C-alpha cells in the first residue's frame, strides 16, 4: 500500500461524516465511543505493524461526564478534579469520556 486510503475507505469516511452530521446530540456519545475504539485499533496496528492481528480492545460504550455524574451521584467538578485517578479518554480539550466497564470497576473498587 502506498499510504493513500483506498477509494472504498474514502467513500466510507464520507458516508460516516454525513451520518454523524444527521445524528441527534443525544446519540453522539455512543458514536464517539465507537470512533475511539476504531481509532485505538488503528493506532495499535500502526505501532505494531509487524503483528498482523490487533490486540483485543475493550468493547463497550463510553460515558460522558453527565452520565457518570448521574450514575454515581457525583458533581462534575469532583469528576474533573479526580479524572487523573480514573480510567478515561480525552480526545480533545472539551471532550472527556469514561469507558463504561472500566469506570464501573473503578467505582466498585473504591466502595469495597
PDB file of N, CA and C in Angstrom:
ATOM      1  N   UNK A   1       0.844  -1.188   0.000  1.00  0.00           N
ATOM      2  CA  UNK A   1       0.000   0.000   0.000  1.00  0.00           C
ATOM      3  C   UNK A   1       0.882   1.243   0.000  1.00  0.00           C
ATOM      4  N   UNK A   2       0.470   2.247  -0.721  1.00  0.00           N
ATOM      5  CA  UNK A   2       1.312   3.429  -0.902  1.00  0.00           C
ATOM      6  C   UNK A   2       1.035   4.546   0.095  1.00  0.00           C
ATOM      7  N   UNK A   3       0.202   4.298   1.116  1.00  0.00           N
ATOM      8  CA  UNK A   3      -0.091   5.323   2.098  1.00  0.00           C
ATOM      9  C   UNK A   3      -1.350   6.101   1.797  1.00  0.00           C
ATOM     10  N   UNK A   4      -1.873   5.998   0.580  1.00  0.00           N
ATOM     11  CA  UNK A   4      -3.126   6.666   0.244  1.00  0.00           C
ATOM     12  C   UNK A   4      -4.289   5.747   0.589  1.00  0.00           C
ATOM     13  N   UNK A   5      -5.364   6.297   1.184  1.00  0.00           N
ATOM     14  CA  UNK A   5      -6.503   5.444   1.519  1.00  0.00           C
ATOM     15  C   UNK A   5      -7.171   4.927   0.250  1.00  0.00           C
ATOM     16  N   UNK A   6      -7.742   3.737   0.356  1.00  0.00           N
ATOM     17  CA  UNK A   6      -8.439   3.157  -0.787  1.00  0.00           C
ATOM     18  C   UNK A   6      -9.700   3.966  -1.082  1.00  0.00           C
ATOM     19  N   UNK A   7     -10.192   3.910  -2.313  1.00  0.00           N
ATOM     20  CA  UNK A   7     -11.437   4.618  -2.634  1.00  0.00           C
ATOM     21  C   UNK A   7     -12.606   4.161  -1.759  1.00  0.00           C
ATOM     22  N   UNK A   8     -12.625   2.875  -1.404  1.00  0.00           N
ATOM     23  CA  UNK A   8     -13.700   2.373  -0.547  1.00  0.00           C
ATOM     24  C   UNK A   8     -13.640   3.027   0.833  1.00  0.00           C
ATOM     25  N   UNK A   9     -12.434   3.180   1.377  1.00  0.00           N
ATOM     26  CA  UNK A   9     -12.284   3.807   2.681  1.00  0.00           C
ATOM     27  C   UNK A   9     -12.668   5.282   2.621  1.00  0.00           C
ATOM     28  N   UNK A  10     -12.277   5.955   1.559  1.00  0.00           N
ATOM     29  CA  UNK A  10     -12.637   7.361   1.386  1.00  0.00           C
ATOM     30  C   UNK A  10     -14.154   7.518   1.321  1.00  0.00           C
ATOM     31  N   UNK A  11     -14.823   6.633   0.572  1.00  0.00           N
ATOM     32  CA  UNK A  11     -16.289   6.662   0.489  1.00  0.00           C
ATOM     33  C   UNK A  11     -16.924   6.378   1.850  1.00  0.00           C
ATOM     34  N   UNK A  12     -16.367   5.416   2.564  1.00  0.00           N
ATOM     35  CA  UNK A  12     -16.898   5.063   3.877  1.00  0.00           C
ATOM     36  C   UNK A  12     -16.791   6.238   4.845  1.00  0.00           C
ATOM     37  N   UNK A  13     -15.655   6.919   4.836  1.00  0.00           N
ATOM     38  CA  UNK A  13     -15.465   8.063   5.728  1.00  0.00           C
ATOM     39  C   UNK A  13     -16.421   9.196   5.355  1.00  0.00           C
ATOM     40  N   UNK A  14     -16.610   9.438   4.072  1.00  0.00           N
ATOM     41  CA  UNK A  14     -17.559  10.475   3.641  1.00  0.00           C
ATOM     42  C   UNK A  14     -18.971  10.142   4.098  1.00  0.00           C
ATOM     43  N   UNK A  15     -19.351   8.882   3.959  1.00  0.00           N
ATOM     44  CA  UNK A  15     -20.679   8.449   4.406  1.00  0.00           C
ATOM     45  C   UNK A  15     -20.808   8.607   5.913  1.00  0.00           C
ATOM     46  N   UNK A  16     -19.774   8.226   6.647  1.00  0.00           N
ATOM     47  CA  UNK A  16     -19.780   8.357   8.099  1.00  0.00           C
ATOM     48  C   UNK A  16     -19.929   9.816   8.522  1.00  0.00           C
ATOM     49  N   UNK A  17     -19.213  10.706   7.856  1.00  0.00           N
ATOM     50  CA  UNK A  17     -19.329  12.140   8.161  1.00  0.00           C
ATOM     51  C   UNK A  17     -20.763  12.623   7.975  1.00  0.00           C
ATOM     52  N   UNK A  18     -21.393  12.232   6.875  1.00  0.00           N
ATOM     53  CA  UNK A  18     -22.780  12.648   6.623  1.00  0.00           C
ATOM     54  C   UNK A  18     -23.722  12.101   7.685  1.00  0.00           C
ATOM     55  N   UNK A  19     -23.511  10.857   8.096  1.00  0.00           N
ATOM     56  CA  UNK A  19     -24.367  10.256   9.117  1.00  0.00           C
ATOM     57  C   UNK A  19     -24.204  10.945  10.467  1.00  0.00           C
ATOM     58  N   UNK A  20     -22.961  11.247  10.838  1.00  0.00           N
ATOM     59  CA  UNK A  20     -22.712  11.917  12.119  1.00  0.00           C
ATOM     60  C   UNK A  20     -23.385  13.291  12.138  1.00  0.00           C
ATOM     61  N   UNK A  21     -23.316  14.008  11.028  1.00  0.00           N
ATOM     62  CA  UNK A  21     -23.957  15.323  10.947  1.00  0.00           C
ATOM     63  C   UNK A  21     -25.462  15.207  11.155  1.00  0.00           C
ATOM     64  N   UNK A  22     -26.048  14.105  10.703  1.00  0.00           N
ATOM     65  CA  UNK A  22     -27.505  13.941  10.796  1.00  0.00           C
ATOM     66  C   UNK A  22     -27.962  13.424  12.154  1.00  0.00           C
ATOM     67  N   UNK A  23     -27.066  13.000  13.023  1.00  0.00           N
ATOM     68  CA  UNK A  23     -27.455  12.418  14.309  1.00  0.00           C
ATOM     69  C   UNK A  23     -27.887  13.472  15.311  1.00  0.00           C
ATOM     70  N   UNK A  24     -28.687  13.041  16.258  1.00  0.00           N
ATOM     71  CA  UNK A  24     -29.082  13.931  17.352  1.00  0.00           C
ATOM     72  C   UNK A  24     -27.926  14.021  18.347  1.00  0.00           C
ATOM     73  N   UNK A  25     -27.827  15.130  19.055  1.00  0.00           N
ATOM     74  CA  UNK A  25     -26.749  15.269  20.045  1.00  0.00           C
ATOM     75  C   UNK A  25     -26.776  14.167  21.111  1.00  0.00           C
ATOM     76  N   UNK A  26     -27.958  13.651  21.438  1.00  0.00           N
ATOM     77  CA  UNK A  26     -28.067  12.618  22.470  1.00  0.00           C
ATOM     78  C   UNK A  26     -27.348  11.329  22.083  1.00  0.00           C
ATOM     79  N   UNK A  27     -27.265  11.035  20.815  1.00  0.00           N
ATOM     80  CA  UNK A  27     -26.642   9.777  20.394  1.00  0.00           C
ATOM     81  C   UNK A  27     -25.148   9.927  20.080  1.00  0.00           C
ATOM     82  N   UNK A  28     -24.618  11.121  20.186  1.00  0.00           N
ATOM     83  CA  UNK A  28     -23.221  11.339  19.804  1.00  0.00           C
ATOM     84  C   UNK A  28     -22.212  10.701  20.761  1.00  0.00           C
ATOM     85  N   UNK A  29     -22.544  10.558  22.046  1.00  0.00           N
ATOM     86  CA  UNK A  29     -21.567   9.953  22.965  1.00  0.00           C
ATOM     87  C   UNK A  29     -21.293   8.505  22.583  1.00  0.00           C
ATOM     88  N   UNK A  30     -22.322   7.769  22.145  1.00  0.00           N
ATOM     89  CA  UNK A  30     -22.107   6.387  21.695  1.00  0.00           C
ATOM     90  C   UNK A  30     -21.221   6.369  20.459  1.00  0.00           C
ATOM     91  N   UNK A  31     -21.475   7.288  19.529  1.00  0.00           N
ATOM     92  CA  UNK A  31     -20.688   7.345  18.295  1.00  0.00           C
ATOM     93  C   UNK A  31     -19.233   7.679  18.611  1.00  0.00           C
ATOM     94  N   UNK A  32     -19.020   8.616  19.506  1.00  0.00           N
ATOM     95  CA  UNK A  32     -17.657   8.999  19.879  1.00  0.00           C
ATOM     96  C   UNK A  32     -16.931   7.815  20.505  1.00  0.00           C
ATOM     97  N   UNK A  33     -17.625   7.066  21.349  1.00  0.00           N
ATOM     98  CA  UNK A  33     -17.019   5.870  21.938  1.00  0.00           C
ATOM     99  C   UNK A  33     -16.627   4.846  20.886  1.00  0.00           C
ATOM    100  N   UNK A  34     -17.515   4.626  19.919  1.00  0.00           N
ATOM    101  CA  UNK A  34     -17.214   3.682  18.842  1.00  0.00           C
ATOM    102  C   UNK A  34     -16.033   4.161  18.001  1.00  0.00           C
ATOM    103  N   UNK A  35     -15.996   5.459  17.712  1.00  0.00           N
ATOM    104  CA  UNK A  35     -14.884   6.001  16.932  1.00  0.00           C
ATOM    105  C   UNK A  35     -13.562   5.894  17.689  1.00  0.00           C
ATOM    106  N   UNK A  36     -13.608   6.089  18.999  1.00  0.00           N
ATOM    107  CA  UNK A  36     -12.386   5.942  19.808  1.00  0.00           C
ATOM    108  C   UNK A  36     -11.887   4.501  19.760  1.00  0.00           C
ATOM    109  N   UNK A  37     -12.816   3.531  19.780  1.00  0.00           N
ATOM    110  CA  UNK A  37     -12.428   2.128  19.701  1.00  0.00           C
ATOM    111  C   UNK A  37     -11.739   1.848  18.363  1.00  0.00           C
ATOM    112  N   UNK A  38     -12.316   2.352  17.257  1.00  0.00           N
ATOM    113  CA  UNK A  38     -11.721   2.155  15.933  1.00  0.00           C
ATOM    114  C   UNK A  38     -10.358   2.847  15.865  1.00  0.00           C
ATOM    115  N   UNK A  39     -10.268   4.032  16.432  1.00  0.00           N
ATOM    116  CA  UNK A  39      -9.007   4.768  16.447  1.00  0.00           C
ATOM    117  C   UNK A  39      -7.934   3.989  17.216  1.00  0.00           C
ATOM    118  N   UNK A  40      -8.322   3.394  18.339  1.00  0.00           N
ATOM    119  CA  UNK A  40      -7.378   2.620  19.137  1.00  0.00           C
ATOM    120  C   UNK A  40      -6.856   1.424  18.356  1.00  0.00           C
ATOM    121  N   UNK A  41      -7.748   0.747  17.646  1.00  0.00           N
ATOM    122  CA  UNK A  41      -7.331  -0.396  16.832  1.00  0.00           C
ATOM    123  C   UNK A  41      -6.359   0.052  15.742  1.00  0.00           C
ATOM    124  N   UNK A  42      -6.675   1.167  15.079  1.00  0.00           N
ATOM    125  CA  UNK A  42      -5.810   1.670  14.008  1.00  0.00           C
ATOM    126  C   UNK A  42      -4.438   2.079  14.556  1.00  0.00           C
ATOM    127  N   UNK A  43      -4.418   2.742  15.705  1.00  0.00           N
ATOM    128  CA  UNK A  43      -3.142   3.145  16.310  1.00  0.00           C
ATOM    129  C   UNK A  43      -2.315   1.927  16.706  1.00  0.00           C
ATOM    130  N   UNK A  44      -2.971   0.936  17.266  1.00  0.00           N
ATOM    131  CA  UNK A  44      -2.253  -0.274  17.656  1.00  0.00           C
ATOM    132  C   UNK A  44      -1.640  -0.932  16.424  1.00  0.00           C
ATOM    133  N   UNK A  45      -2.431  -1.037  15.358  1.00  0.00           N
ATOM    134  CA  UNK A  45      -1.935  -1.663  14.137  1.00  0.00           C
ATOM    135  C   UNK A  45      -0.752  -0.877  13.570  1.00  0.00           C
ATOM    136  N   UNK A  46      -0.841   0.440  13.627  1.00  0.00           N
ATOM    137  CA  UNK A  46       0.239   1.278  13.131  1.00  0.00           C
ATOM    138  C   UNK A  46       1.510   1.093  13.961  1.00  0.00           C
ATOM    139  N   UNK A  47       1.365   1.016  15.272  1.00  0.00           N
ATOM    140  CA  UNK A  47       2.519   0.910  16.159  1.00  0.00           C
ATOM    141  C   UNK A  47       3.129  -0.486  16.168  1.00  0.00           C
ATOM    142  N   UNK A  48       2.359  -1.482  15.810  1.00  0.00           N
ATOM    143  CA  UNK A  48       2.863  -2.860  15.811  1.00  0.00           C
ATOM    144  C   UNK A  48       2.688  -3.449  14.421  1.00  0.00           C
ATOM    145  N   UNK A  49       3.217  -2.769  13.431  1.00  0.00           N
ATOM    146  CA  UNK A  49       2.988  -3.152  12.039  1.00  0.00           C
ATOM    147  C   UNK A  49       3.514  -4.538  11.711  1.00  0.00           C
ATOM    148  N   UNK A  50       4.371  -5.105  12.550  1.00  0.00           N
ATOM    149  CA  UNK A  50       4.845  -6.460  12.296  1.00  0.00           C
ATOM    150  C   UNK A  50       3.841  -7.509  12.757  1.00  0.00           C
ATOM    151  N   UNK A  51       2.905  -7.120  13.610  1.00  0.00           N
ATOM    152  CA  UNK A  51       1.882  -8.037  14.101  1.00  0.00           C
ATOM    153  C   UNK A  51       0.639  -7.899  13.237  1.00  0.00           C
ATOM    154  N   UNK A  52       0.193  -8.974  12.579  1.00  0.00           N
ATOM    155  CA  UNK A  52      -0.938  -8.855  11.661  1.00  0.00           C
ATOM    156  C   UNK A  52      -2.303  -8.695  12.335  1.00  0.00           C
ATOM    157  N   UNK A  53      -2.452  -9.112  13.588  1.00  0.00           N
ATOM    158  CA  UNK A  53      -3.760  -9.017  14.238  1.00  0.00           C
ATOM    159  C   UNK A  53      -3.724  -7.970  15.341  1.00  0.00           C
ATOM    160  N   UNK A  54      -4.783  -7.193  15.474  1.00  0.00           N
ATOM    161  CA  UNK A  54      -4.814  -6.171  16.524  1.00  0.00           C
ATOM    162  C   UNK A  54      -5.022  -6.803  17.899  1.00  0.00           C
ATOM    163  N   UNK A  55      -4.572  -6.083  18.910  1.00  0.00           N
ATOM    164  CA  UNK A  55      -4.779  -6.536  20.278  1.00  0.00           C
ATOM    165  C   UNK A  55      -6.255  -6.437  20.613  1.00  0.00           C
ATOM    166  N   UNK A  56      -6.713  -7.265  21.534  1.00  0.00           N
ATOM    167  CA  UNK A  56      -8.108  -7.140  21.930  1.00  0.00           C
ATOM    168  C   UNK A  56      -8.352  -5.776  22.568  1.00  0.00           C
ATOM    169  N   UNK A  57      -9.390  -5.134  22.135  1.00  0.00           N
ATOM    170  CA  UNK A  57      -9.754  -3.820  22.654  1.00  0.00           C
ATOM    171  C   UNK A  57     -11.037  -3.983  23.443  1.00  0.00           C
ATOM    172  N   UNK A  58     -11.076  -3.377  24.620  1.00  0.00           N
ATOM    173  CA  UNK A  58     -12.279  -3.474  25.427  1.00  0.00           C
ATOM    174  C   UNK A  58     -13.439  -2.831  24.674  1.00  0.00           C
ATOM    175  N   UNK A  59     -14.425  -3.656  24.373  1.00  0.00           N
ATOM    176  CA  UNK A  59     -15.579  -3.120  23.676  1.00  0.00           C
ATOM    177  C   UNK A  59     -16.569  -2.602  24.697  1.00  0.00           C
ATOM    178  N   UNK A  60     -17.447  -1.828  24.247  1.00  0.00           N
ATOM    179  CA  UNK A  60     -18.428  -1.230  25.136  1.00  0.00           C
ATOM    180  C   UNK A  60     -18.519   0.247  24.850  1.00  0.00           C
ATOM    181  N   UNK A  61     -19.379   0.877  25.559  1.00  0.00           N
ATOM    182  CA  UNK A  61     -19.578   2.289  25.290  1.00  0.00           C
ATOM    183  C   UNK A  61     -18.788   3.152  26.260  1.00  0.00           C
ATOM    184  N   UNK A  62     -18.691   4.399  25.903  1.00  0.00           N
ATOM    185  CA  UNK A  62     -18.044   5.385  26.739  1.00  0.00           C
ATOM    186  C   UNK A  62     -19.120   6.275  27.345  1.00  0.00           C
ATOM    187  N   UNK A  63     -18.943   6.641  28.598  1.00  0.00           N
ATOM    188  CA  UNK A  63     -19.886   7.510  29.281  1.00  0.00           C
ATOM    189  C   UNK A  63     -19.366   8.942  29.275  1.00  0.00           C
ATOM    190  N   UNK A  64     -20.291   9.871  29.134  1.00  0.00           N
ATOM    191  CA  UNK A  64     -19.940  11.283  29.205  1.00  0.00           C
ATOM    192  C   UNK A  64     -19.852  11.703  30.661  1.00  0.00           C
ATOM    193  N   UNK A  65     -19.390  12.921  30.906  1.00  0.00           N
ATOM    194  CA  UNK A  65     -19.311  13.460  32.265  1.00  0.00           C
ATOM    195  C   UNK A  65     -20.700  13.452  32.894  1.00  0.00           C
ATOM    196  N   UNK A  66     -21.708  13.889  32.157  1.00  0.00           N
ATOM    197  CA  UNK A  66     -23.078  13.949  32.687  1.00  0.00           C
ATOM    198  C   UNK A  66     -23.563  12.553  33.078  1.00  0.00           C
ATOM    199  N   UNK A  67     -23.300  11.571  32.222  1.00  0.00           N
ATOM    200  CA  UNK A  67     -23.751  10.202  32.503  1.00  0.00           C
ATOM    201  C   UNK A  67     -23.058   9.625  33.737  1.00  0.00           C
ATOM    202  N   UNK A  68     -21.758   9.871  33.896  1.00  0.00           N
ATOM    203  CA  UNK A  68     -21.039   9.375  35.066  1.00  0.00           C
ATOM    204  C   UNK A  68     -21.576  10.048  36.328  1.00  0.00           C
ATOM    205  N   UNK A  69     -21.796  11.339  36.264  1.00  0.00           N
ATOM    206  CA  UNK A  69     -22.305  12.071  37.427  1.00  0.00           C
ATOM    207  C   UNK A  69     -23.683  11.570  37.837  1.00  0.00           C
ATOM    208  N   UNK A  70     -24.568  11.359  36.875  1.00  0.00           N
ATOM    209  CA  UNK A  70     -25.904  10.859  37.176  1.00  0.00           C
ATOM    210  C   UNK A  70     -25.843   9.452  37.763  1.00  0.00           C
ATOM    211  N   UNK A  71     -25.018   8.606  37.174  1.00  0.00           N
ATOM    212  CA  UNK A  71     -24.953   7.201  37.589  1.00  0.00           C
ATOM    213  C   UNK A  71     -24.367   7.040  38.985  1.00  0.00           C
ATOM    214  N   UNK A  72     -23.372   7.844  39.343  1.00  0.00           N
ATOM    215  CA  UNK A  72     -22.671   7.650  40.612  1.00  0.00           C
ATOM    216  C   UNK A  72     -22.937   8.755  41.634  1.00  0.00           C
ATOM    217  N   UNK A  73     -23.844   9.659  41.317  1.00  0.00           N
ATOM    218  CA  UNK A  73     -24.253  10.675  42.276  1.00  0.00           C
ATOM    219  C   UNK A  73     -23.136  11.625  42.675  1.00  0.00           C
ATOM    220  N   UNK A  74     -22.358  12.042  41.712  1.00  0.00           N
ATOM    221  CA  UNK A  74     -21.282  12.987  41.977  1.00  0.00           C
ATOM    222  C   UNK A  74     -21.506  14.237  41.130  1.00  0.00           C
ATOM    223  N   UNK A  75     -20.769  15.266  41.421  1.00  0.00           N
ATOM    224  CA  UNK A  75     -20.897  16.506  40.657  1.00  0.00           C
ATOM    225  C   UNK A  75     -19.744  16.601  39.648  1.00  0.00           C
ATOM    226  N   UNK A  76     -19.969  17.291  38.537  1.00  0.00           N
ATOM    227  CA  UNK A  76     -18.923  17.392  37.517  1.00  0.00           C
ATOM    228  C   UNK A  76     -17.597  17.938  38.052  1.00  0.00           C
ATOM    229  N   UNK A  77     -17.660  18.886  38.947  1.00  0.00           N
ATOM    230  CA  UNK A  77     -16.427  19.463  39.493  1.00  0.00           C
ATOM    231  C   UNK A  77     -15.562  18.395  40.159  1.00  0.00           C
ATOM    232  N   UNK A  78     -16.191  17.504  40.937  1.00  0.00           N
ATOM    233  CA  UNK A  78     -15.462  16.416  41.591  1.00  0.00           C
ATOM    234  C   UNK A  78     -14.847  15.502  40.544  1.00  0.00           C
ATOM    235  N   UNK A  79     -15.621  15.188  39.506  1.00  0.00           N
ATOM    236  CA  UNK A  79     -15.155  14.280  38.460  1.00  0.00           C
ATOM    237  C   UNK A  79     -13.937  14.859  37.735  1.00  0.00           C
ATOM    238  N   UNK A  80     -14.001  16.131  37.365  1.00  0.00           N
ATOM    239  CA  UNK A  80     -12.858  16.759  36.688  1.00  0.00           C
ATOM    240  C   UNK A  80     -11.630  16.808  37.606  1.00  0.00           C
ATOM    241  N   UNK A  81     -11.858  17.038  38.888  1.00  0.00           N
ATOM    242  CA  UNK A  81     -10.754  17.131  39.830  1.00  0.00           C
ATOM    243  C   UNK A  81     -10.042  15.780  40.013  1.00  0.00           C
ATOM    244  N   UNK A  82     -10.794  14.675  39.881  1.00  0.00           N
ATOM    245  CA  UNK A  82     -10.237  13.346  40.131  1.00  0.00           C
ATOM    246  C   UNK A  82     -10.008  12.525  38.863  1.00  0.00           C
ATOM    247  N   UNK A  83     -10.155  13.103  37.688  1.00  0.00           N
ATOM    248  CA  UNK A  83     -10.082  12.339  36.440  1.00  0.00           C
ATOM    249  C   UNK A  83      -8.745  11.638  36.241  1.00  0.00           C
ATOM    250  N   UNK A  84      -7.659  12.221  36.744  1.00  0.00           N
ATOM    251  CA  UNK A  84      -6.346  11.608  36.545  1.00  0.00           C
ATOM    252  C   UNK A  84      -6.222  10.272  37.262  1.00  0.00           C
ATOM    253  N   UNK A  85      -7.044  10.052  38.287  1.00  0.00           N
ATOM    254  CA  UNK A  85      -7.014   8.801  39.031  1.00  0.00           C
ATOM    255  C   UNK A  85      -7.917   7.746  38.384  1.00  0.00           C
ATOM    256  N   UNK A  86      -8.730   8.151  37.410  1.00  0.00           N
ATOM    257  CA  UNK A  86      -9.742   7.275  36.825  1.00  0.00           C
ATOM    258  C   UNK A  86      -9.384   6.889  35.393  1.00  0.00           C
ATOM    259  N   UNK A  87      -9.934   5.747  34.943  1.00  0.00           N
ATOM    260  CA  UNK A  87      -9.759   5.410  33.523  1.00  0.00           C
ATOM    261  C   UNK A  87     -10.593   6.364  32.680  1.00  0.00           C
ATOM    262  N   UNK A  88      -9.961   7.021  31.736  1.00  0.00           N
ATOM    263  CA  UNK A  88     -10.696   7.969  30.902  1.00  0.00           C
ATOM    264  C   UNK A  88      -9.974   8.195  29.580  1.00  0.00           C
ATOM    265  N   UNK A  89     -10.685   8.832  28.687  1.00  0.00           N
ATOM    266  CA  UNK A  89     -10.133   9.223  27.397  1.00  0.00           C
ATOM    267  C   UNK A  89     -10.509  10.677  27.182  1.00  0.00           C
ATOM    268  N   UNK A  90      -9.562  11.463  26.711  1.00  0.00           N
ATOM    269  CA  UNK A  90      -9.842  12.866  26.458  1.00  0.00           C
ATOM    270  C   UNK A  90      -9.380  13.186  25.036  1.00  0.00           C
ATOM    271  N   UNK A  91     -10.263  12.860  24.042  1.00  0.00           N
ATOM    272  CA  UNK A  91      -9.877  13.056  22.655  1.00  0.00           C
ATOM    273  C   UNK A  91      -9.660  14.513  22.265  1.00  0.00           C
ATOM    274  N   UNK A  92     -10.225  15.438  23.038  1.00  0.00           N
ATOM    275  CA  UNK A  92      -9.974  16.858  22.800  1.00  0.00           C
ATOM    276  C   UNK A  92     -10.087  17.591  24.131  1.00  0.00           C
ATOM    277  N   UNK A  93      -9.748  18.853  24.142  1.00  0.00           N
ATOM    278  CA  UNK A  93      -9.798  19.613  25.393  1.00  0.00           C
ATOM    279  C   UNK A  93     -11.200  19.681  25.980  1.00  0.00           C
ATOM    280  N   UNK A  94     -12.209  19.626  25.126  1.00  0.00           N
ATOM    281  CA  UNK A  94     -13.584  19.806  25.586  1.00  0.00           C
ATOM    282  C   UNK A  94     -14.368  18.511  25.736  1.00  0.00           C
ATOM    283  N   UNK A  95     -13.761  17.376  25.413  1.00  0.00           N
ATOM    284  CA  UNK A  95     -14.467  16.099  25.492  1.00  0.00           C
ATOM    285  C   UNK A  95     -13.737  15.190  26.470  1.00  0.00           C
ATOM    286  N   UNK A  96     -14.484  14.685  27.447  1.00  0.00           N
ATOM    287  CA  UNK A  96     -13.944  13.765  28.437  1.00  0.00           C
ATOM    288  C   UNK A  96     -14.866  12.557  28.463  1.00  0.00           C
ATOM    289  N   UNK A  97     -14.323  11.374  28.197  1.00  0.00           N
ATOM    290  CA  UNK A  97     -15.116  10.151  28.131  1.00  0.00           C
ATOM    291  C   UNK A  97     -14.542   9.106  29.075  1.00  0.00           C
ATOM    292  N   UNK A  98     -15.436   8.274  29.610  1.00  0.00           N
ATOM    293  CA  UNK A  98     -15.039   7.226  30.538  1.00  0.00           C
ATOM    294  C   UNK A  98     -15.533   5.888  30.017  1.00  0.00           C
ATOM    295  N   UNK A  99     -14.636   4.894  29.827  1.00  0.00           N
ATOM    296  CA  UNK A  99     -15.096   3.580  29.380  1.00  0.00           C
ATOM    297  C   UNK A  99     -16.013   2.982  30.452  1.00  0.00           C
ATOM    298  N   UNK A 100     -17.211   2.603  30.040  1.00  0.00           N
ATOM    299  CA  UNK A 100     -18.252   2.199  30.978  1.00  0.00           C
ATOM    300  C   UNK A 100     -17.797   1.079  31.924  1.00  0.00           C
ATOM    301  N   UNK A 101     -17.285   0.002  31.388  1.00  0.00           N
ATOM    302  CA  UNK A 101     -16.898  -1.136  32.236  1.00  0.00           C
ATOM    303  C   UNK A 101     -15.738  -0.775  33.170  1.00  0.00           C
ATOM    304  N   UNK A 102     -14.771  -0.054  32.652  1.00  0.00           N
ATOM    305  CA  UNK A 102     -13.605   0.319  33.467  1.00  0.00           C
ATOM    306  C   UNK A 102     -13.999   1.278  34.588  1.00  0.00           C
ATOM    307  N   UNK A 103     -14.898   2.201  34.306  1.00  0.00           N
ATOM    308  CA  UNK A 103     -15.301   3.161  35.349  1.00  0.00           C
ATOM    309  C   UNK A 103     -16.163   2.469  36.398  1.00  0.00           C
ATOM    310  N   UNK A 104     -16.957   1.476  35.958  1.00  0.00           N
ATOM    311  CA  UNK A 104     -17.729   0.682  36.926  1.00  0.00           C
ATOM    312  C   UNK A 104     -16.792  -0.034  37.890  1.00  0.00           C
ATOM    313  N   UNK A 105     -15.736  -0.652  37.339  1.00  0.00           N
ATOM    314  CA  UNK A 105     -14.758  -1.343  38.194  1.00  0.00           C
ATOM    315  C   UNK A 105     -14.053  -0.355  39.120  1.00  0.00           C
ATOM    316  N   UNK A 106     -13.737   0.832  38.617  1.00  0.00           N
ATOM    317  CA  UNK A 106     -13.030   1.830  39.414  1.00  0.00           C
ATOM    318  C   UNK A 106     -13.887   2.244  40.609  1.00  0.00           C
ATOM    319  N   UNK A 107     -15.154   2.568  40.367  1.00  0.00           N
ATOM    320  CA  UNK A 107     -16.030   2.969  41.469  1.00  0.00           C
ATOM    321  C   UNK A 107     -16.283   1.804  42.424  1.00  0.00           C
ATOM    322  N   UNK A 108     -16.422   0.572  41.904  1.00  0.00           N
ATOM    323  CA  UNK A 108     -16.642  -0.589  42.764  1.00  0.00           C
ATOM    324  C   UNK A 108     -15.444  -0.812  43.689  1.00  0.00           C
ATOM    325  N   UNK A 109     -14.239  -0.605  43.173  1.00  0.00           N
ATOM    326  CA  UNK A 109     -13.044  -0.805  43.999  1.00  0.00           C
ATOM    327  C   UNK A 109     -12.945   0.253  45.096  1.00  0.00           C
ATOM    328  N   UNK A 110     -13.515   1.411  44.870  1.00  0.00           N
ATOM    329  CA  UNK A 110     -13.464   2.477  45.887  1.00  0.00           C
ATOM    330  C   UNK A 110     -14.529   2.278  46.970  1.00  0.00           C
ATOM    331  N   UNK A 111     -15.596   1.566  46.632  1.00  0.00           N
ATOM    332  CA  UNK A 111     -16.663   1.353  47.612  1.00  0.00           C
ATOM    333  C   UNK A 111     -16.436   0.104  48.452  1.00  0.00           C
ATOM    334  N   UNK A 112     -15.516  -0.732  48.022  1.00  0.00           N
ATOM    335  CA  UNK A 112     -15.271  -2.008  48.733  1.00  0.00           C
ATOM    336  C   UNK A 112     -14.518  -1.802  50.023  1.00  0.00           C
TER     337      UNK A 112
END
